[in-house]
Amino acid sequence: MTLPAARSLSHITDWVFDLDNTLYPRECNLFAQIDVRITHYVMDLTKLDFEAARALQKTYYRDFGTTLNGLMLQHEVDPDHFLANVHAIDYSPVAEHPDLVAAIRDLPGRKFILTNGDVGHARAVLARLGGSDLFEHVYDIRAMTYVPKPHREAYAGFFAAHGVDPTSAAMFDDLEKNLVVPHEMGMATVQVVAGPDYAHEQVDAWELGRGDSAHVHHVTDDLARFLRERP
């Protein structure tokens, strides 16, 4: 499924990709592993039971951009301790994806990752995909000084650090809320979604929402094909 909007990408010179559930399919459930580890982290911190900790985790994720941001603001959590803990996962579900790697490599211009995860996690994912050398830079949560997407500061800091003109850039993300600010700042936006039948007990409905608003210019559930056939 690919739903192209009228906006062309022919002018794009900087291609900016989210990492989790964007460069690999949500269906491989890699982020579900992280999600469970976050729940247990919240349990250990707050002494809540699983369901209550998960509810708090998702509230922070929705309201603060990341659970980590909420935990830092509300509980003074050490971000390095949190990131090391929640990224201690099995990366084998991420399959090599030569078609996607080739499609990204063939894009005209620079390619970046803009992620609320950290560089180590991104490198592990890219190694599994077969694209360790694809990207100019990984701009991660530490570079954002822990103020994550969808906050405007995350994008503005990235643009400034790399001399990106947002009117000549495209943003790819699985969460439609993370495309609001890019649209407002002049970027072309693409939401990368799961297939229509995907469901997982660790994923809330809002995380799977498909953008039908003006700030989402394109929607696809096949990133490699979208990039090959881009408008």
Protein backbone atom coordinates (compact mmCIF):
# COMPACT_ATOMS: atom_id res chain seq x y z
CA MET A 1 0.00 0.00 0.00
CA THR A 2 1.34 3.36 -1.07
CA LEU A 3 -0.76 6.50 -1.02
CA PRO A 4 1.14 9.30 -2.76
CA ALA A 5 -0.07 12.82 -2.20
CA ALA A 6 0.34 15.53 -4.81
CA ARG A 7 3.65 16.79 -3.43
CA SER A 8 6.66 15.86 -5.53
CA LEU A 9 9.98 14.83 -4.00
CA SER A 10 11.99 15.80 -7.07
CA HIS A 11 13.50 18.82 -5.29
CA ILE A 12 14.79 16.89 -2.27
CA THR A 13 18.53 17.03 -1.54
CA ASP A 14 18.53 15.85 2.11
CA TRP A 15 16.73 12.64 3.07
CA VAL A 16 16.04 12.24 6.80
CA PHE A 17 14.88 8.93 8.25
CA ASP A 18 13.61 7.88 11.63
CA LEU A 19 15.05 4.53 12.70
CA ASP A 20 12.68 2.32 14.70
CA ASN A 21 9.67 0.95 12.81
CA THR A 22 10.77 3.00 9.78
CA LEU A 23 14.01 1.54 8.43
CA TYR A 24 12.87 -1.92 9.50
CA PRO A 25 9.25 -3.13 9.40
CA ARG A 26 7.24 -2.87 12.59
CA GLU A 27 6.14 -6.44 11.91
CA CYS A 28 9.55 -7.81 12.97
CA ASN A 29 8.67 -6.59 16.50
CA LEU A 30 12.16 -5.39 17.35
CA PHE A 31 10.78 -2.30 19.07
CA ALA A 32 8.34 -4.53 20.96
CA GLN A 33 11.39 -5.97 22.74
CA ILE A 34 12.48 -2.47 23.72
CA ASP A 35 8.93 -1.64 24.74
CA VAL A 36 8.80 -4.59 27.17
CA ARG A 37 12.19 -3.66 28.64
CA ILE A 38 10.94 -0.09 29.17
CA THR A 39 7.91 -1.44 31.02
CA HIS A 40 10.13 -3.47 33.35
CA TYR A 41 12.40 -0.45 33.84
CA VAL A 42 9.38 1.60 34.92
CA MET A 43 8.27 -1.25 37.20
CA ASP A 44 11.66 -1.35 38.91
CA LEU A 45 11.72 2.42 39.29
CA THR A 46 8.16 3.00 40.51
CA LYS A 47 7.31 -0.39 42.11
CA LEU A 48 4.10 -0.43 40.05
CA ASP A 49 2.75 -3.70 38.68
CA PHE A 50 3.11 -4.49 34.98
CA GLU A 51 -0.19 -3.02 33.78
CA ALA A 52 0.14 0.19 35.80
CA ALA A 53 3.77 0.63 34.76
CA ARG A 54 2.88 0.07 31.12
CA ALA A 55 0.08 2.64 31.33
CA LEU A 56 2.49 5.19 32.83
CA GLN A 57 5.12 4.37 30.21
CA LYS A 58 2.69 4.95 27.34
CA THR A 59 1.41 8.16 28.91
CA TYR A 60 4.95 9.51 29.07
CA TYR A 61 5.62 8.31 25.50
CA ARG A 62 2.53 10.10 24.23
CA ASP A 63 2.90 13.29 26.27
CA PHE A 64 6.68 13.81 26.37
CA GLY A 65 7.80 12.34 23.03
CA THR A 66 9.66 9.46 24.68
CA THR A 67 9.18 7.55 27.90
CA LEU A 68 12.76 8.52 28.73
CA ASN A 69 11.94 12.23 28.53
CA GLY A 70 9.04 11.72 30.93
CA LEU A 71 11.18 9.68 33.31
CA MET A 72 13.91 12.33 33.27
CA LEU A 73 11.45 15.14 33.93
CA GLN A 74 9.32 13.35 36.50
CA HIS A 75 11.80 10.94 38.17
CA GLU A 76 15.31 12.32 37.41
CA VAL A 77 16.32 9.09 35.68
CA ASP A 78 19.91 8.80 34.38
CA PRO A 79 19.50 8.61 30.58
CA ASP A 80 22.66 6.57 29.99
CA HIS A 81 21.51 3.92 32.43
CA PHE A 82 18.07 3.83 30.81
CA LEU A 83 19.39 3.58 27.23
CA ALA A 84 21.89 0.85 28.04
CA ASN A 85 19.16 -1.16 29.75
CA VAL A 86 16.38 -0.90 27.18
CA HIS A 87 18.65 -1.53 24.17
CA ALA A 88 20.00 -4.81 25.58
CA ILE A 89 17.94 -6.76 23.03
CA ASP A 90 18.22 -9.46 20.36
CA TYR A 91 18.69 -7.75 16.97
CA SER A 92 18.31 -10.95 14.93
CA PRO A 93 14.65 -10.23 13.96
CA VAL A 94 15.93 -7.43 11.69
CA ALA A 95 16.57 -9.09 8.35
CA GLU A 96 19.05 -8.00 5.70
CA HIS A 97 17.21 -5.77 3.22
CA PRO A 98 19.31 -5.23 0.09
CA ASP A 99 16.41 -3.67 -1.86
CA LEU A 100 15.93 -0.96 0.78
CA VAL A 101 19.68 -0.38 1.10
CA ALA A 102 19.97 0.03 -2.67
CA ALA A 103 16.96 2.34 -2.82
CA ILE A 104 18.39 4.62 -0.13
CA ARG A 105 21.87 4.53 -1.67
CA ASP A 106 20.43 5.66 -5.01
CA LEU A 107 18.71 8.75 -3.56
CA PRO A 108 20.24 11.98 -4.87
CA GLY A 109 21.84 13.91 -2.02
CA ARG A 110 22.67 13.36 1.63
CA LYS A 111 21.02 10.78 3.88
CA PHE A 112 20.62 11.12 7.65
CA ILE A 113 19.03 9.29 10.57
CA LEU A 114 17.13 11.39 13.11
CA THR A 115 16.20 9.08 15.96
CA ASN A 116 14.95 9.22 19.53
CA GLY A 117 17.15 6.16 20.12
CA ASP A 118 20.91 6.28 20.46
CA VAL A 119 23.80 5.83 18.05
CA GLY A 120 24.73 2.37 19.30
CA HIS A 121 21.20 1.09 18.72
CA ALA A 122 21.14 2.65 15.25
CA ARG A 123 24.45 1.06 14.30
CA ALA A 124 23.22 -2.36 15.42
CA VAL A 125 20.09 -2.03 13.28
CA LEU A 126 22.02 -0.78 10.24
CA ALA A 127 24.48 -3.66 10.51
CA ARG A 128 21.59 -6.12 10.37
CA LEU A 129 20.03 -4.34 7.36
CA GLY A 130 23.35 -4.35 5.52
CA GLY A 131 23.59 -0.56 5.38
CA SER A 132 26.27 0.46 7.87
CA ASP A 133 27.76 2.97 5.43
CA LEU A 134 24.52 4.45 4.06
CA PHE A 135 24.12 7.55 6.17
CA GLU A 136 26.03 10.79 6.50
CA HIS A 137 25.29 10.96 10.22
CA VAL A 138 23.08 9.54 12.97
CA TYR A 139 21.59 12.41 14.97
CA ASP A 140 20.42 10.70 18.14
CA ILE A 141 18.76 11.44 21.46
CA ARG A 142 22.05 12.53 23.01
CA ALA A 143 22.67 15.02 20.20
CA MET A 144 19.15 16.32 20.91
CA THR A 145 20.20 16.86 24.55
CA TYR A 146 17.38 14.43 25.38
CA VAL A 147 14.63 16.73 24.03
CA PRO A 148 13.11 14.29 21.51
CA LYS A 149 10.90 14.40 18.48
CA PRO A 150 8.18 15.68 18.18
CA HIS A 151 9.56 18.77 19.98
CA ARG A 152 10.65 21.51 17.58
CA GLU A 153 14.06 21.78 19.27
CA ALA A 154 14.99 18.28 18.09
CA TYR A 155 14.52 19.18 14.43
CA ALA A 156 15.96 22.71 14.67
CA GLY A 157 19.11 21.40 16.34
CA PHE A 158 19.55 18.82 13.60
CA PHE A 159 19.07 21.39 10.82
CA ALA A 160 21.62 23.71 12.42
CA ALA A 161 24.18 20.97 13.04
CA HIS A 162 24.15 19.77 9.44
CA GLY A 163 23.21 22.85 7.44
CA VAL A 164 19.94 21.32 6.29
CA ASP A 165 17.42 23.54 4.50
CA PRO A 166 14.07 22.01 5.50
CA THR A 167 12.43 23.19 2.27
CA SER A 168 14.82 20.88 0.37
CA ALA A 169 14.51 17.95 2.78
CA ALA A 170 12.15 15.03 3.36
CA MET A 171 11.30 13.39 6.70
CA PHE A 172 10.31 9.71 7.00
CA ASP A 173 8.77 8.56 10.30
CA ASP A 174 6.34 5.90 11.52
CA LEU A 175 4.52 8.26 13.93
CA GLU A 176 2.33 10.90 12.33
CA LYS A 177 2.81 13.23 15.33
CA ASN A 178 6.53 13.33 14.52
CA LEU A 179 5.70 14.80 11.10
CA VAL A 180 3.80 17.86 12.34
CA VAL A 181 6.85 20.06 12.99
CA PRO A 182 8.72 18.93 9.84
CA HIS A 183 5.68 19.93 7.77
CA GLU A 184 5.45 23.28 9.56
CA MET A 185 9.16 23.91 8.89
CA GLY A 186 8.81 23.17 5.18
CA MET A 187 9.91 19.53 4.85
CA ALA A 188 8.18 16.97 2.67
CA THR A 189 6.80 14.25 4.94
CA VAL A 190 6.33 10.50 4.53
CA GLN A 191 4.68 8.25 7.13
CA VAL A 192 5.93 4.66 7.07
CA VAL A 193 3.22 2.43 8.49
CA ALA A 194 2.68 -1.22 9.33
CA GLY A 195 0.48 -3.41 7.19
CA PRO A 196 -3.27 -3.11 7.82
CA ASP A 197 -3.50 -6.38 9.76
CA TYR A 198 -0.67 -5.67 12.20
CA ALA A 199 -1.46 -5.75 15.92
CA HIS A 200 0.62 -6.34 19.03
CA GLU A 201 -0.29 -6.31 22.70
CA GLN A 202 2.56 -3.86 23.41
CA VAL A 203 1.40 -1.33 20.80
CA ASP A 204 -1.37 1.18 21.52
CA ALA A 205 -3.80 2.18 18.78
CA TRP A 206 -2.45 5.73 18.49
CA GLU A 207 0.99 4.36 17.59
CA LEU A 208 -0.52 2.73 14.49
CA GLY A 209 -2.54 5.74 13.34
CA ARG A 210 -2.25 6.58 9.66
CA GLY A 211 -1.99 10.26 8.88
CA ASP A 212 -4.87 11.75 6.91
CA SER A 213 -4.00 15.33 7.81
CA ALA A 214 -2.24 18.03 5.81
CA HIS A 215 1.05 17.46 7.62
CA VAL A 216 1.36 13.92 6.19
CA HIS A 217 2.13 14.24 2.49
CA HIS A 218 2.66 10.55 1.68
CA VAL A 219 1.90 7.24 3.41
CA THR A 220 3.54 3.90 2.60
CA ASP A 221 3.86 0.42 4.08
CA ASP A 222 6.69 -0.48 1.67
CA LEU A 223 9.55 1.99 2.05
CA ALA A 224 11.84 0.40 -0.54
CA ARG A 225 9.15 0.50 -3.22
CA PHE A 226 8.15 4.04 -2.30
CA LEU A 227 11.75 5.22 -2.68
CA ARG A 228 12.15 3.46 -6.01
CA GLU A 229 8.87 4.91 -7.34
CA ARG A 230 9.01 8.24 -5.51
CA PRO A 231 6.92 11.04 -7.03
